[in-house]
Amino acid sequence: MTRLLSPPTAVDVTLDHGRAPIAIAGAYNGSLEPIVRWKVEASWWDRPVVREYWKAVLNNNLLCELFRDASTGEWFVERIYD
């Protein structure tokens, strides 16, 4: 089952030397094991959206999807897979 968080939940992210997320703190806490990364660029018509998405395993047992908003640098958890 998938749970979409609306609105996405803000988190603080720790990055490794290659700029991959390795830990988060906030409403969700713990270590991350990154699986895949992709980028989304869209012009939602007057306000462009540029996000860097990551799918990662949180604390060795919870698959989640998080993103970094390129315009603000803020990180958010957007989806949880149960």
N, C-alpha and C. Protein backbone atom coordinates (compact mmCIF):
# COMPACT_ATOMS: atom_id res chain seq x y z
N MET A 1 0.84 -1.17 0.00
CA MET A 1 0.00 0.00 0.00
C MET A 1 0.89 1.24 0.00
N THR A 2 0.42 2.29 -0.65
CA THR A 2 1.17 3.54 -0.74
C THR A 2 0.40 4.65 -0.06
N ARG A 3 1.11 5.46 0.69
CA ARG A 3 0.48 6.61 1.34
C ARG A 3 1.16 7.88 0.84
N LEU A 4 0.39 8.71 0.14
CA LEU A 4 0.88 9.99 -0.34
C LEU A 4 0.66 11.03 0.75
N LEU A 5 1.71 11.72 1.13
CA LEU A 5 1.61 12.74 2.18
C LEU A 5 1.28 14.08 1.52
N SER A 6 0.12 14.60 1.86
CA SER A 6 -0.32 15.86 1.26
C SER A 6 -0.76 16.81 2.35
N PRO A 7 0.00 17.84 2.61
CA PRO A 7 1.21 18.25 1.89
C PRO A 7 2.40 17.39 2.30
N PRO A 8 3.46 17.38 1.49
CA PRO A 8 4.66 16.65 1.86
C PRO A 8 5.22 17.16 3.20
N THR A 9 5.89 16.27 3.93
CA THR A 9 6.43 16.58 5.25
C THR A 9 7.88 17.04 5.16
N ALA A 10 8.16 18.23 5.68
CA ALA A 10 9.53 18.77 5.65
C ALA A 10 10.43 17.97 6.59
N VAL A 11 11.66 17.72 6.13
CA VAL A 11 12.66 17.01 6.93
C VAL A 11 14.02 17.67 6.72
N ASP A 12 14.91 17.47 7.69
CA ASP A 12 16.31 17.86 7.54
C ASP A 12 17.06 16.64 7.02
N VAL A 13 17.95 16.84 6.08
CA VAL A 13 18.64 15.73 5.42
C VAL A 13 20.15 15.87 5.58
N THR A 14 20.80 14.75 5.88
CA THR A 14 22.26 14.67 5.89
C THR A 14 22.67 13.98 4.60
N LEU A 15 23.64 14.58 3.89
CA LEU A 15 24.11 14.05 2.62
C LEU A 15 25.49 13.44 2.75
N ASP A 16 25.78 12.46 1.91
CA ASP A 16 27.15 11.91 1.88
C ASP A 16 28.00 12.76 0.94
N HIS A 17 29.25 12.35 0.71
CA HIS A 17 30.17 13.13 -0.12
C HIS A 17 29.71 13.22 -1.57
N GLY A 18 28.92 12.25 -2.03
CA GLY A 18 28.39 12.27 -3.40
C GLY A 18 27.06 12.99 -3.51
N ARG A 19 26.61 13.62 -2.43
CA ARG A 19 25.36 14.40 -2.37
C ARG A 19 24.11 13.53 -2.33
N ALA A 20 24.24 12.27 -1.93
CA ALA A 20 23.09 11.38 -1.76
C ALA A 20 22.63 11.48 -0.30
N PRO A 21 21.31 11.42 -0.06
CA PRO A 21 20.82 11.48 1.32
C PRO A 21 21.15 10.20 2.08
N ILE A 22 21.67 10.36 3.31
CA ILE A 22 22.02 9.19 4.11
C ILE A 22 21.29 9.17 5.45
N ALA A 23 20.65 10.28 5.83
CA ALA A 23 19.89 10.33 7.09
C ALA A 23 18.90 11.48 7.02
N ILE A 24 17.77 11.32 7.74
CA ILE A 24 16.79 12.39 7.84
C ILE A 24 16.39 12.59 9.29
N ALA A 25 15.93 13.81 9.58
CA ALA A 25 15.45 14.14 10.92
C ALA A 25 14.22 15.04 10.76
N GLY A 26 13.27 14.87 11.65
CA GLY A 26 12.04 15.65 11.61
C GLY A 26 10.89 14.73 11.98
N ALA A 27 9.80 14.81 11.24
CA ALA A 27 8.66 13.93 11.50
C ALA A 27 9.03 12.47 11.26
N TYR A 28 9.96 12.24 10.34
CA TYR A 28 10.54 10.92 10.10
C TYR A 28 12.03 11.04 10.42
N ASN A 29 12.57 10.04 11.13
CA ASN A 29 13.96 10.08 11.58
C ASN A 29 14.66 8.78 11.26
N GLY A 30 15.95 8.89 10.97
CA GLY A 30 16.75 7.69 10.86
C GLY A 30 17.69 7.70 9.68
N SER A 31 18.31 6.54 9.48
CA SER A 31 19.28 6.38 8.40
C SER A 31 18.55 6.00 7.12
N LEU A 32 19.14 6.42 5.99
CA LEU A 32 18.57 6.14 4.68
C LEU A 32 19.54 5.32 3.86
N GLU A 33 19.00 4.40 3.08
CA GLU A 33 19.77 3.67 2.09
C GLU A 33 19.17 4.03 0.73
N PRO A 34 19.81 4.95 -0.01
CA PRO A 34 19.26 5.39 -1.30
C PRO A 34 19.20 4.24 -2.30
N ILE A 35 18.12 4.21 -3.09
CA ILE A 35 17.94 3.17 -4.09
C ILE A 35 18.03 3.75 -5.50
N VAL A 36 17.27 4.82 -5.75
CA VAL A 36 17.25 5.40 -7.09
C VAL A 36 17.00 6.90 -7.00
N ARG A 37 17.51 7.64 -7.99
CA ARG A 37 17.36 9.09 -8.04
C ARG A 37 16.83 9.48 -9.40
N TRP A 38 15.96 10.50 -9.44
CA TRP A 38 15.51 11.06 -10.71
C TRP A 38 15.16 12.52 -10.51
N LYS A 39 15.10 13.24 -11.62
CA LYS A 39 14.83 14.68 -11.56
C LYS A 39 13.56 14.98 -12.35
N VAL A 40 12.76 15.90 -11.81
CA VAL A 40 11.54 16.34 -12.47
C VAL A 40 11.64 17.83 -12.72
N GLU A 41 11.41 18.21 -13.96
CA GLU A 41 11.37 19.63 -14.32
C GLU A 41 10.08 19.87 -15.07
N ALA A 42 9.25 20.75 -14.57
CA ALA A 42 7.97 21.08 -15.20
C ALA A 42 7.71 22.57 -15.06
N SER A 43 7.02 23.11 -16.00
CA SER A 43 6.67 24.53 -15.94
C SER A 43 5.21 24.63 -15.58
N TRP A 44 4.92 24.47 -14.32
CA TRP A 44 3.52 24.57 -13.94
C TRP A 44 3.16 26.02 -13.96
N TRP A 45 2.92 26.27 -15.06
CA TRP A 45 2.81 27.28 -16.05
C TRP A 45 3.39 28.60 -15.61
N ASP A 46 3.15 29.11 -14.60
CA ASP A 46 3.80 30.36 -14.22
C ASP A 46 4.88 30.15 -13.16
N ARG A 47 4.86 29.01 -12.53
CA ARG A 47 5.83 28.72 -11.47
C ARG A 47 6.53 27.41 -11.78
N PRO A 48 7.73 27.46 -12.37
CA PRO A 48 8.44 26.22 -12.71
C PRO A 48 8.69 25.36 -11.47
N VAL A 49 8.62 24.06 -11.68
CA VAL A 49 8.87 23.09 -10.61
C VAL A 49 10.10 22.29 -11.00
N VAL A 50 11.13 22.31 -10.16
CA VAL A 50 12.34 21.51 -10.37
C VAL A 50 12.60 20.78 -9.06
N ARG A 51 12.54 19.45 -9.15
CA ARG A 51 12.73 18.62 -7.95
C ARG A 51 13.68 17.47 -8.24
N GLU A 52 14.48 17.15 -7.24
CA GLU A 52 15.34 15.97 -7.28
C GLU A 52 14.72 14.94 -6.34
N TYR A 53 14.24 13.84 -6.90
CA TYR A 53 13.58 12.80 -6.12
C TYR A 53 14.54 11.67 -5.78
N TRP A 54 14.32 11.06 -4.64
CA TRP A 54 15.06 9.86 -4.22
C TRP A 54 14.07 8.86 -3.65
N LYS A 55 14.22 7.60 -4.02
CA LYS A 55 13.53 6.51 -3.35
C LYS A 55 14.58 5.88 -2.45
N ALA A 56 14.24 5.67 -1.18
CA ALA A 56 15.22 5.18 -0.22
C ALA A 56 14.54 4.33 0.84
N VAL A 57 15.32 3.48 1.48
CA VAL A 57 14.83 2.67 2.59
C VAL A 57 15.22 3.38 3.89
N LEU A 58 14.23 3.66 4.72
CA LEU A 58 14.43 4.33 6.00
C LEU A 58 14.53 3.30 7.11
N ASN A 59 15.59 3.37 7.88
CA ASN A 59 15.82 2.47 9.03
C ASN A 59 15.70 1.00 8.67
N ASN A 60 16.17 0.64 7.49
CA ASN A 60 16.20 -0.76 7.04
C ASN A 60 14.84 -1.42 6.91
N ASN A 61 13.72 -0.66 6.98
CA ASN A 61 12.43 -1.36 6.90
C ASN A 61 11.28 -0.57 6.27
N LEU A 62 11.47 0.69 5.91
CA LEU A 62 10.36 1.48 5.38
C LEU A 62 10.79 2.17 4.09
N LEU A 63 10.15 1.82 2.99
CA LEU A 63 10.46 2.43 1.70
C LEU A 63 9.76 3.78 1.63
N CYS A 64 10.50 4.82 1.26
CA CYS A 64 9.91 6.15 1.17
C CYS A 64 10.45 6.87 -0.05
N GLU A 65 9.75 7.93 -0.39
CA GLU A 65 10.14 8.78 -1.51
C GLU A 65 10.30 10.19 -0.96
N LEU A 66 11.44 10.80 -1.20
CA LEU A 66 11.66 12.15 -0.73
C LEU A 66 12.17 12.99 -1.89
N PHE A 67 12.06 14.30 -1.74
CA PHE A 67 12.55 15.17 -2.79
C PHE A 67 13.15 16.43 -2.21
N ARG A 68 14.04 17.03 -3.03
CA ARG A 68 14.63 18.33 -2.71
C ARG A 68 14.08 19.32 -3.71
N ASP A 69 13.49 20.40 -3.20
CA ASP A 69 13.00 21.47 -4.05
C ASP A 69 14.21 22.30 -4.46
N ALA A 70 14.52 22.32 -5.76
CA ALA A 70 15.71 23.01 -6.25
C ALA A 70 15.64 24.52 -6.04
N SER A 71 14.44 25.10 -6.00
CA SER A 71 14.34 26.55 -5.84
C SER A 71 14.60 27.00 -4.41
N THR A 72 14.32 26.14 -3.43
CA THR A 72 14.51 26.53 -2.03
C THR A 72 15.60 25.72 -1.32
N GLY A 73 15.94 24.55 -1.86
CA GLY A 73 16.90 23.67 -1.21
C GLY A 73 16.30 22.85 -0.09
N GLU A 74 15.00 22.98 0.15
CA GLU A 74 14.33 22.24 1.22
C GLU A 74 14.03 20.81 0.78
N TRP A 75 14.02 19.91 1.78
CA TRP A 75 13.74 18.49 1.56
C TRP A 75 12.39 18.13 2.17
N PHE A 76 11.71 17.17 1.52
CA PHE A 76 10.38 16.73 1.96
C PHE A 76 10.24 15.23 1.74
N VAL A 77 9.51 14.56 2.65
CA VAL A 77 9.06 13.19 2.41
C VAL A 77 7.69 13.32 1.78
N GLU A 78 7.50 12.66 0.63
CA GLU A 78 6.24 12.79 -0.09
C GLU A 78 5.41 11.51 -0.10
N ARG A 79 6.06 10.35 -0.02
CA ARG A 79 5.32 9.10 -0.14
C ARG A 79 5.97 8.05 0.74
N ILE A 80 5.12 7.22 1.35
CA ILE A 80 5.55 6.10 2.17
C ILE A 80 4.94 4.83 1.58
N TYR A 81 5.74 3.80 1.44
CA TYR A 81 5.25 2.50 0.94
C TYR A 81 5.20 1.54 2.12
N ASP A 82 4.01 1.04 2.46
CA ASP A 82 3.86 0.10 3.58
C ASP A 82 4.00 -1.32 3.09
